[in-house]
Protein backbone atom coordinates (compact mmCIF):
# COMPACT_ATOMS: atom_id res chain seq x y z
CA UNK A 1 0.00 0.00 0.00
CA UNK A 2 1.03 3.58 -0.69
CA UNK A 3 -0.17 6.72 1.07
CA UNK A 4 -0.31 10.24 -0.37
CA UNK A 5 -0.37 13.07 2.16
CA UNK A 6 -1.17 16.58 0.96
CA UNK A 7 -0.60 19.92 2.64
CA UNK A 8 -0.62 23.61 1.87
CA UNK A 9 -4.23 24.46 1.06
CA UNK A 10 -6.07 27.40 2.57
CA UNK A 11 -7.75 30.74 2.00
CA UNK A 12 -6.02 33.35 -0.14
CA UNK A 13 -7.05 36.63 -1.76
CA UNK A 14 -7.27 36.97 -5.54
CA UNK A 15 -3.82 37.54 -6.97
CA UNK A 16 -2.18 35.71 -4.11
CA UNK A 17 -0.07 32.55 -4.04
CA UNK A 18 -0.15 29.13 -2.41
CA UNK A 19 2.11 26.13 -2.55
CA UNK A 20 0.73 22.62 -2.27
CA UNK A 21 2.83 19.61 -1.34
CA UNK A 22 2.14 15.90 -1.65
CA UNK A 23 4.40 13.23 -0.22
CA UNK A 24 4.08 9.56 -1.12
CA UNK A 25 5.18 6.82 1.24
CA UNK A 26 4.99 3.04 1.33
CA UNK A 27 6.41 0.20 -0.71
CA UNK A 28 7.39 2.38 -3.64
CA UNK A 29 9.67 1.21 -6.41
CA UNK A 30 9.14 4.20 -8.67
CA UNK A 31 6.58 6.84 -9.59
CA UNK A 32 5.96 7.66 -13.24
CA UNK A 33 3.35 10.41 -13.27
CA UNK A 34 2.61 12.50 -10.19
CA UNK A 35 0.49 15.60 -10.09
CA UNK A 36 -2.66 17.43 -9.22
CA UNK A 37 -6.35 17.39 -10.07
CA UNK A 38 -9.09 19.61 -8.70
CA UNK A 39 -12.83 19.47 -8.23
CA UNK A 40 -15.03 22.49 -7.72
CA UNK A 41 -18.58 22.20 -6.30
CA UNK A 42 -20.95 20.84 -8.92
CA UNK A 43 -18.15 20.15 -11.41
CA UNK A 44 -16.19 17.13 -12.53
CA UNK A 45 -12.67 16.50 -11.34
CA UNK A 46 -10.17 17.94 -13.80
CA UNK A 47 -6.46 17.76 -14.43
CA UNK A 48 -4.46 20.73 -13.18
CA UNK A 49 -0.83 19.72 -13.70
CA UNK A 50 1.24 16.55 -14.02
CA UNK A 51 4.96 15.96 -13.71
CA UNK A 52 6.54 12.87 -15.21
CA UNK A 53 9.64 11.11 -13.92
CA UNK A 54 11.60 12.10 -17.01
CA UNK A 55 10.93 15.79 -16.39
CA UNK A 56 8.05 16.41 -18.78
CA UNK A 57 5.12 18.42 -17.46
CA UNK A 58 1.56 18.95 -18.62
CA UNK A 59 -0.83 21.72 -17.60
CA UNK A 60 -4.47 22.59 -18.00
CA UNK A 61 -4.84 25.61 -20.29
CA UNK A 62 -6.55 27.52 -17.49
CA UNK A 63 -3.44 27.44 -15.27
CA UNK A 64 -0.61 27.75 -17.80
CA UNK A 65 1.71 30.59 -16.89
CA UNK A 66 0.37 30.80 -13.34
CA UNK A 67 0.97 27.33 -11.82
CA UNK A 68 4.18 25.32 -11.73
CA UNK A 69 4.42 21.63 -10.91
CA UNK A 70 7.73 20.22 -9.67
CA UNK A 71 8.96 16.95 -8.21
CA UNK A 72 11.55 15.76 -5.77
CA UNK A 73 11.95 12.20 -7.00
CA UNK A 74 14.28 11.24 -4.17
CA UNK A 75 11.59 12.22 -1.66
CA UNK A 76 8.63 10.97 -3.73
CA UNK A 77 7.11 14.42 -3.41
CA UNK A 78 5.30 16.68 -5.83
CA UNK A 79 4.67 20.39 -5.42
CA UNK A 80 2.25 22.81 -7.01
CA UNK A 81 3.21 26.47 -6.88
CA UNK A 82 0.10 28.52 -7.59
CA UNK A 83 0.50 32.21 -8.40
CA UNK A 84 -1.94 34.88 -9.53
CA UNK A 85 -4.79 32.91 -8.05
CA UNK A 86 -8.32 33.61 -9.22
CA UNK A 87 -11.69 32.89 -7.60
CA UNK A 88 -12.30 30.25 -10.26
CA UNK A 89 -9.31 28.31 -8.90
CA UNK A 90 -11.36 27.58 -5.79
CA UNK A 91 -11.67 23.79 -5.46
CA UNK A 92 -10.54 20.75 -3.58
CA UNK A 93 -7.13 19.82 -4.94
CA UNK A 94 -6.20 16.14 -5.09
CA UNK A 95 -2.77 14.64 -5.47
CA UNK A 96 -2.48 11.68 -7.84
CA UNK A 97 0.38 9.28 -8.42
CA UNK A 98 0.98 6.40 -10.80
CA UNK A 99 3.07 4.16 -8.57
CA UNK A 100 5.06 1.03 -9.18
CA UNK A 101 4.97 -0.70 -5.81
CA UNK A 102 6.44 -3.81 -4.24
CA UNK A 103 4.15 -6.71 -3.44
CA UNK A 104 4.75 -10.05 -1.81
CA UNK A 105 5.07 -11.65 -5.24
CA UNK A 106 6.90 -8.91 -7.18
CA UNK A 107 5.76 -5.48 -8.31
CA UNK A 108 2.62 -3.89 -9.73
CA UNK A 109 1.54 -0.51 -11.03
CA UNK A 110 -1.36 1.21 -9.30
CA UNK A 111 -3.00 4.61 -9.25
CA UNK A 112 -3.30 6.41 -5.90
CA UNK A 113 -5.15 9.52 -4.71
CA UNK A 114 -4.63 11.82 -1.77
CA UNK A 115 -7.42 12.88 0.56
CA UNK A 116 -7.72 16.35 -0.97
CA UNK A 117 -6.93 19.83 0.30
CA UNK A 118 -9.23 22.83 0.03
CA UNK A 119 -8.07 25.94 -1.83
CA UNK A 120 -10.33 28.97 -1.55
CA UNK A 121 -9.62 32.18 -3.43
CA UNK A 122 -11.77 34.99 -2.13
CA UNK A 123 -11.56 38.57 -0.96
């Protein structure tokens, strides 16, 4: 089993910044993709930003130029630096990781989610 623990959410004024962190722990062999999704009230969960183990990143159009995803592969941690926040960024942000983990018979690849952290952008 693997656990994802998020931190860094909160209330911020429009134009402000927040930094989210997500640390993975457990029987991890490697993590390919690791990143962030969000879900606003009444809306579907959507991709925000993903960082791949090789260094490639992918962003939703709505956050390009404002958000930056980064990884510390040695610490199995992913960060999301959010700048120039807007009220429409208000949502629960979820960490997601595509993990290759050890099992009693070998290894397997499995998708994990964090518990979510609330980000509220409001004056």
